[in-house]
Amino acid sequence: MRALKKRNLGNKVVWVKDGEQALDYLFARGEYGDRSIRNKPKVVLLDLKMPKVDGL
């Protein structure tokens, strides 16, 4: 986050704590159910060893 701010990247960044929450965000379900599924992220950065559901 610091590196993005340092480069003045003004894009909206959504940070999630685990793979399950990432999938909920991508598919607009659970706590992200009110998000429009049409508004897809441009880039997804993920950790291959995320808790709950891994990045593979």
PDB file of N, CA and C in Angstrom:
ATOM      1  N   MET A   1       0.826  -1.174   0.000  1.00  0.00           N
ATOM      2  CA  MET A   1       0.000   0.000   0.000  1.00  0.00           C
ATOM      3  C   MET A   1       0.881   1.253   0.000  1.00  0.00           C
ATOM      4  N   ARG A   2       1.941   1.213   0.795  1.00  0.00           N
ATOM      5  CA  ARG A   2       2.842   2.375   0.829  1.00  0.00           C
ATOM      6  C   ARG A   2       3.478   2.619  -0.527  1.00  0.00           C
ATOM      7  N   ALA A   3       3.883   1.548  -1.203  1.00  0.00           N
ATOM      8  CA  ALA A   3       4.516   1.702  -2.516  1.00  0.00           C
ATOM      9  C   ALA A   3       3.537   2.307  -3.519  1.00  0.00           C
ATOM     10  N   LEU A   4       2.280   1.909  -3.490  1.00  0.00           N
ATOM     11  CA  LEU A   4       1.288   2.472  -4.401  1.00  0.00           C
ATOM     12  C   LEU A   4       1.056   3.946  -4.107  1.00  0.00           C
ATOM     13  N   LYS A   5       0.936   4.279  -2.830  1.00  0.00           N
ATOM     14  CA  LYS A   5       0.729   5.682  -2.455  1.00  0.00           C
ATOM     15  C   LYS A   5       1.946   6.532  -2.810  1.00  0.00           C
ATOM     16  N   LYS A   6       3.127   5.956  -2.656  1.00  0.00           N
ATOM     17  CA  LYS A   6       4.363   6.686  -2.972  1.00  0.00           C
ATOM     18  C   LYS A   6       4.407   7.064  -4.451  1.00  0.00           C
ATOM     19  N   ARG A   7       3.844   6.233  -5.303  1.00  0.00           N
ATOM     20  CA  ARG A   7       3.811   6.480  -6.746  1.00  0.00           C
ATOM     21  C   ARG A   7       2.558   7.249  -7.180  1.00  0.00           C
ATOM     22  N   ASN A   8       1.778   7.710  -6.200  1.00  0.00           N
ATOM     23  CA  ASN A   8       0.564   8.500  -6.462  1.00  0.00           C
ATOM     24  C   ASN A   8      -0.441   7.782  -7.360  1.00  0.00           C
ATOM     25  N   LEU A   9      -0.607   6.499  -7.131  1.00  0.00           N
ATOM     26  CA  LEU A   9      -1.614   5.746  -7.866  1.00  0.00           C
ATOM     27  C   LEU A   9      -2.950   5.934  -7.153  1.00  0.00           C
ATOM     28  N   GLY A  10      -3.859   6.610  -7.815  1.00  0.00           N
ATOM     29  CA  GLY A  10      -5.126   6.977  -7.190  1.00  0.00           C
ATOM     30  C   GLY A  10      -6.225   5.955  -7.363  1.00  0.00           C
ATOM     31  N   ASN A  11      -5.906   4.789  -7.872  1.00  0.00           N
ATOM     32  CA  ASN A  11      -6.926   3.771  -8.074  1.00  0.00           C
ATOM     33  C   ASN A  11      -7.444   3.265  -6.733  1.00  0.00           C
ATOM     34  N   LYS A  12      -8.695   2.835  -6.740  1.00  0.00           N
ATOM     35  CA  LYS A  12      -9.277   2.242  -5.530  1.00  0.00           C
ATOM     36  C   LYS A  12      -8.611   0.885  -5.285  1.00  0.00           C
ATOM     37  N   VAL A  13      -8.186   0.653  -4.061  1.00  0.00           N
ATOM     38  CA  VAL A  13      -7.564  -0.610  -3.682  1.00  0.00           C
ATOM     39  C   VAL A  13      -8.427  -1.264  -2.622  1.00  0.00           C
ATOM     40  N   VAL A  14      -8.779  -2.517  -2.844  1.00  0.00           N
ATOM     41  CA  VAL A  14      -9.551  -3.291  -1.868  1.00  0.00           C
ATOM     42  C   VAL A  14      -8.617  -4.357  -1.317  1.00  0.00           C
ATOM     43  N   TRP A  15      -8.449  -4.375   0.000  1.00  0.00           N
ATOM     44  CA  TRP A  15      -7.582  -5.346   0.661  1.00  0.00           C
ATOM     45  C   TRP A  15      -8.453  -6.318   1.435  1.00  0.00           C
ATOM     46  N   VAL A  16      -8.222  -7.605   1.264  1.00  0.00           N
ATOM     47  CA  VAL A  16      -8.957  -8.635   2.006  1.00  0.00           C
ATOM     48  C   VAL A  16      -7.958  -9.499   2.754  1.00  0.00           C
ATOM     49  N   LYS A  17      -8.423 -10.159   3.809  1.00  0.00           N
ATOM     50  CA  LYS A  17      -7.496 -10.872   4.691  1.00  0.00           C
ATOM     51  C   LYS A  17      -7.256 -12.330   4.318  1.00  0.00           C
ATOM     52  N   ASP A  18      -8.133 -12.929   3.504  1.00  0.00           N
ATOM     53  CA  ASP A  18      -7.938 -14.339   3.160  1.00  0.00           C
ATOM     54  C   ASP A  18      -8.582 -14.657   1.809  1.00  0.00           C
ATOM     55  N   GLY A  19      -8.345 -15.861   1.336  1.00  0.00           N
ATOM     56  CA  GLY A  19      -8.843 -16.274   0.035  1.00  0.00           C
ATOM     57  C   GLY A  19     -10.350 -16.344  -0.051  1.00  0.00           C
ATOM     58  N   GLU A  20     -10.989 -16.727   1.027  1.00  0.00           N
ATOM     59  CA  GLU A  20     -12.454 -16.795   1.042  1.00  0.00           C
ATOM     60  C   GLU A  20     -13.057 -15.408   0.838  1.00  0.00           C
ATOM     61  N   GLN A  21     -12.503 -14.429   1.524  1.00  0.00           N
ATOM     62  CA  GLN A  21     -12.978 -13.058   1.389  1.00  0.00           C
ATOM     63  C   GLN A  21     -12.680 -12.526  -0.021  1.00  0.00           C
ATOM     64  N   ALA A  22     -11.561 -12.907  -0.603  1.00  0.00           N
ATOM     65  CA  ALA A  22     -11.223 -12.495  -1.971  1.00  0.00           C
ATOM     66  C   ALA A  22     -12.246 -13.033  -2.965  1.00  0.00           C
ATOM     67  N   LEU A  23     -12.620 -14.292  -2.814  1.00  0.00           N
ATOM     68  CA  LEU A  23     -13.623 -14.880  -3.699  1.00  0.00           C
ATOM     69  C   LEU A  23     -14.983 -14.210  -3.512  1.00  0.00           C
ATOM     70  N   ASP A  24     -15.328 -13.903  -2.268  1.00  0.00           N
ATOM     71  CA  ASP A  24     -16.578 -13.186  -2.011  1.00  0.00           C
ATOM     72  C   ASP A  24     -16.582 -11.841  -2.718  1.00  0.00           C
ATOM     73  N   TYR A  25     -15.473 -11.140  -2.686  1.00  0.00           N
ATOM     74  CA  TYR A  25     -15.387  -9.853  -3.370  1.00  0.00           C
ATOM     75  C   TYR A  25     -15.507 -10.029  -4.887  1.00  0.00           C
ATOM     76  N   LEU A  26     -14.761 -10.964  -5.448  1.00  0.00           N
ATOM     77  CA  LEU A  26     -14.766 -11.156  -6.901  1.00  0.00           C
ATOM     78  C   LEU A  26     -16.137 -11.554  -7.425  1.00  0.00           C
ATOM     79  N   PHE A  27     -16.865 -12.373  -6.674  1.00  0.00           N
ATOM     80  CA  PHE A  27     -18.170 -12.855  -7.127  1.00  0.00           C
ATOM     81  C   PHE A  27     -19.341 -12.115  -6.484  1.00  0.00           C
ATOM     82  N   ALA A  28     -19.058 -10.999  -5.790  1.00  0.00           N
ATOM     83  CA  ALA A  28     -20.075 -10.132  -5.178  1.00  0.00           C
ATOM     84  C   ALA A  28     -21.060 -10.929  -4.331  1.00  0.00           C
ATOM     85  N   ARG A  29     -20.523 -11.629  -3.349  1.00  0.00           N
ATOM     86  CA  ARG A  29     -21.383 -12.397  -2.445  1.00  0.00           C
ATOM     87  C   ARG A  29     -20.969 -12.120  -1.003  1.00  0.00           C
ATOM     88  N   GLY A  30     -21.761 -12.568  -0.058  1.00  0.00           N
ATOM     89  CA  GLY A  30     -21.451 -12.343   1.359  1.00  0.00           C
ATOM     90  C   GLY A  30     -21.466 -10.870   1.697  1.00  0.00           C
ATOM     91  N   GLU A  31     -20.452 -10.395   2.405  1.00  0.00           N
ATOM     92  CA  GLU A  31     -20.401  -8.989   2.809  1.00  0.00           C
ATOM     93  C   GLU A  31     -20.238  -8.039   1.630  1.00  0.00           C
ATOM     94  N   TYR A  32     -19.873  -8.565   0.465  1.00  0.00           N
ATOM     95  CA  TYR A  32     -19.729  -7.752  -0.747  1.00  0.00           C
ATOM     96  C   TYR A  32     -20.913  -7.941  -1.691  1.00  0.00           C
ATOM     97  N   GLY A  33     -22.005  -8.476  -1.200  1.00  0.00           N
ATOM     98  CA  GLY A  33     -23.185  -8.744  -2.014  1.00  0.00           C
ATOM     99  C   GLY A  33     -23.800  -7.512  -2.644  1.00  0.00           C
ATOM    100  N   ASP A  34     -23.569  -6.346  -2.058  1.00  0.00           N
ATOM    101  CA  ASP A  34     -24.137  -5.116  -2.612  1.00  0.00           C
ATOM    102  C   ASP A  34     -23.268  -4.514  -3.722  1.00  0.00           C
ATOM    103  N   ARG A  35     -22.085  -5.094  -3.958  1.00  0.00           N
ATOM    104  CA  ARG A  35     -21.187  -4.612  -5.005  1.00  0.00           C
ATOM    105  C   ARG A  35     -21.702  -5.078  -6.363  1.00  0.00           C
ATOM    106  N   SER A  36     -21.626  -4.203  -7.368  1.00  0.00           N
ATOM    107  CA  SER A  36     -22.048  -4.568  -8.711  1.00  0.00           C
ATOM    108  C   SER A  36     -21.054  -5.552  -9.319  1.00  0.00           C
ATOM    109  N   ILE A  37     -21.541  -6.685  -9.777  1.00  0.00           N
ATOM    110  CA  ILE A  37     -20.690  -7.702 -10.389  1.00  0.00           C
ATOM    111  C   ILE A  37     -20.100  -7.187 -11.707  1.00  0.00           C
ATOM    112  N   ARG A  38     -20.719  -6.186 -12.309  1.00  0.00           N
ATOM    113  CA  ARG A  38     -20.227  -5.611 -13.565  1.00  0.00           C
ATOM    114  C   ARG A  38     -18.958  -4.784 -13.357  1.00  0.00           C
ATOM    115  N   ASN A  39     -18.750  -4.300 -12.143  1.00  0.00           N
ATOM    116  CA  ASN A  39     -17.580  -3.483 -11.828  1.00  0.00           C
ATOM    117  C   ASN A  39     -16.427  -4.405 -11.417  1.00  0.00           C
ATOM    118  N   LYS A  40     -15.794  -5.003 -12.400  1.00  0.00           N
ATOM    119  CA  LYS A  40     -14.740  -5.999 -12.151  1.00  0.00           C
ATOM    120  C   LYS A  40     -13.405  -5.315 -11.886  1.00  0.00           C
ATOM    121  N   PRO A  41     -12.559  -5.931 -11.045  1.00  0.00           N
ATOM    122  CA  PRO A  41     -11.231  -5.359 -10.808  1.00  0.00           C
ATOM    123  C   PRO A  41     -10.368  -5.425 -12.070  1.00  0.00           C
ATOM    124  N   LYS A  42      -9.509  -4.441 -12.217  1.00  0.00           N
ATOM    125  CA  LYS A  42      -8.587  -4.409 -13.362  1.00  0.00           C
ATOM    126  C   LYS A  42      -7.383  -5.318 -13.125  1.00  0.00           C
ATOM    127  N   VAL A  43      -6.948  -5.398 -11.866  1.00  0.00           N
ATOM    128  CA  VAL A  43      -5.782  -6.201 -11.497  1.00  0.00           C
ATOM    129  C   VAL A  43      -6.078  -6.889 -10.172  1.00  0.00           C
ATOM    130  N   VAL A  44      -5.647  -8.127 -10.041  1.00  0.00           N
ATOM    131  CA  VAL A  44      -5.776  -8.867  -8.779  1.00  0.00           C
ATOM    132  C   VAL A  44      -4.380  -9.325  -8.380  1.00  0.00           C
ATOM    133  N   LEU A  45      -3.932  -8.892  -7.227  1.00  0.00           N
ATOM    134  CA  LEU A  45      -2.660  -9.351  -6.668  1.00  0.00           C
ATOM    135  C   LEU A  45      -2.997 -10.282  -5.517  1.00  0.00           C
ATOM    136  N   LEU A  46      -2.410 -11.448  -5.509  1.00  0.00           N
ATOM    137  CA  LEU A  46      -2.727 -12.370  -4.426  1.00  0.00           C
ATOM    138  C   LEU A  46      -1.513 -13.149  -3.976  1.00  0.00           C
ATOM    139  N   ASP A  47      -1.639 -13.660  -2.789  1.00  0.00           N
ATOM    140  CA  ASP A  47      -0.598 -14.490  -2.186  1.00  0.00           C
ATOM    141  C   ASP A  47      -0.979 -15.943  -2.427  1.00  0.00           C
ATOM    142  N   LEU A  48      -0.059 -16.746  -2.913  1.00  0.00           N
ATOM    143  CA  LEU A  48      -0.377 -18.146  -3.165  1.00  0.00           C
ATOM    144  C   LEU A  48      -0.655 -18.938  -1.893  1.00  0.00           C
ATOM    145  N   LYS A  49      -0.214 -18.442  -0.751  1.00  0.00           N
ATOM    146  CA  LYS A  49      -0.404 -19.151   0.510  1.00  0.00           C
ATOM    147  C   LYS A  49      -1.368 -18.398   1.430  1.00  0.00           C
ATOM    148  N   MET A  50      -2.490 -17.920   0.875  1.00  0.00           N
ATOM    149  CA  MET A  50      -3.482 -17.199   1.679  1.00  0.00           C
ATOM    150  C   MET A  50      -4.196 -18.169   2.629  1.00  0.00           C
ATOM    151  N   PRO A  51      -4.645 -17.661   3.775  1.00  0.00           N
ATOM    152  CA  PRO A  51      -5.424 -18.499   4.691  1.00  0.00           C
ATOM    153  C   PRO A  51      -6.769 -18.884   4.075  1.00  0.00           C
ATOM    154  N   LYS A  52      -7.358 -19.938   4.577  1.00  0.00           N
ATOM    155  CA  LYS A  52      -8.671 -20.491   4.210  1.00  0.00           C
ATOM    156  C   LYS A  52      -8.678 -21.063   2.799  1.00  0.00           C
ATOM    157  N   VAL A  53      -8.527 -20.251   1.755  1.00  0.00           N
ATOM    158  CA  VAL A  53      -8.484 -20.713   0.376  1.00  0.00           C
ATOM    159  C   VAL A  53      -7.208 -20.155  -0.244  1.00  0.00           C
ATOM    160  N   ASP A  54      -6.318 -21.036  -0.715  1.00  0.00           N
ATOM    161  CA  ASP A  54      -5.046 -20.531  -1.231  1.00  0.00           C
ATOM    162  C   ASP A  54      -5.193 -19.945  -2.623  1.00  0.00           C
ATOM    163  N   GLY A  55      -4.180 -19.311  -3.118  1.00  0.00           N
ATOM    164  CA  GLY A  55      -4.205 -18.627  -4.388  1.00  0.00           C
ATOM    165  C   GLY A  55      -4.122 -19.529  -5.609  1.00  0.00           C
ATOM    166  N   LEU A  56      -3.877 -20.802  -5.404  1.00  0.00           N
ATOM    167  CA  LEU A  56      -3.819 -21.713  -6.540  1.00  0.00           C
ATOM    168  C   LEU A  56      -5.196 -22.081  -6.985  1.00  0.00           C
TER     169      LEU A  56
END
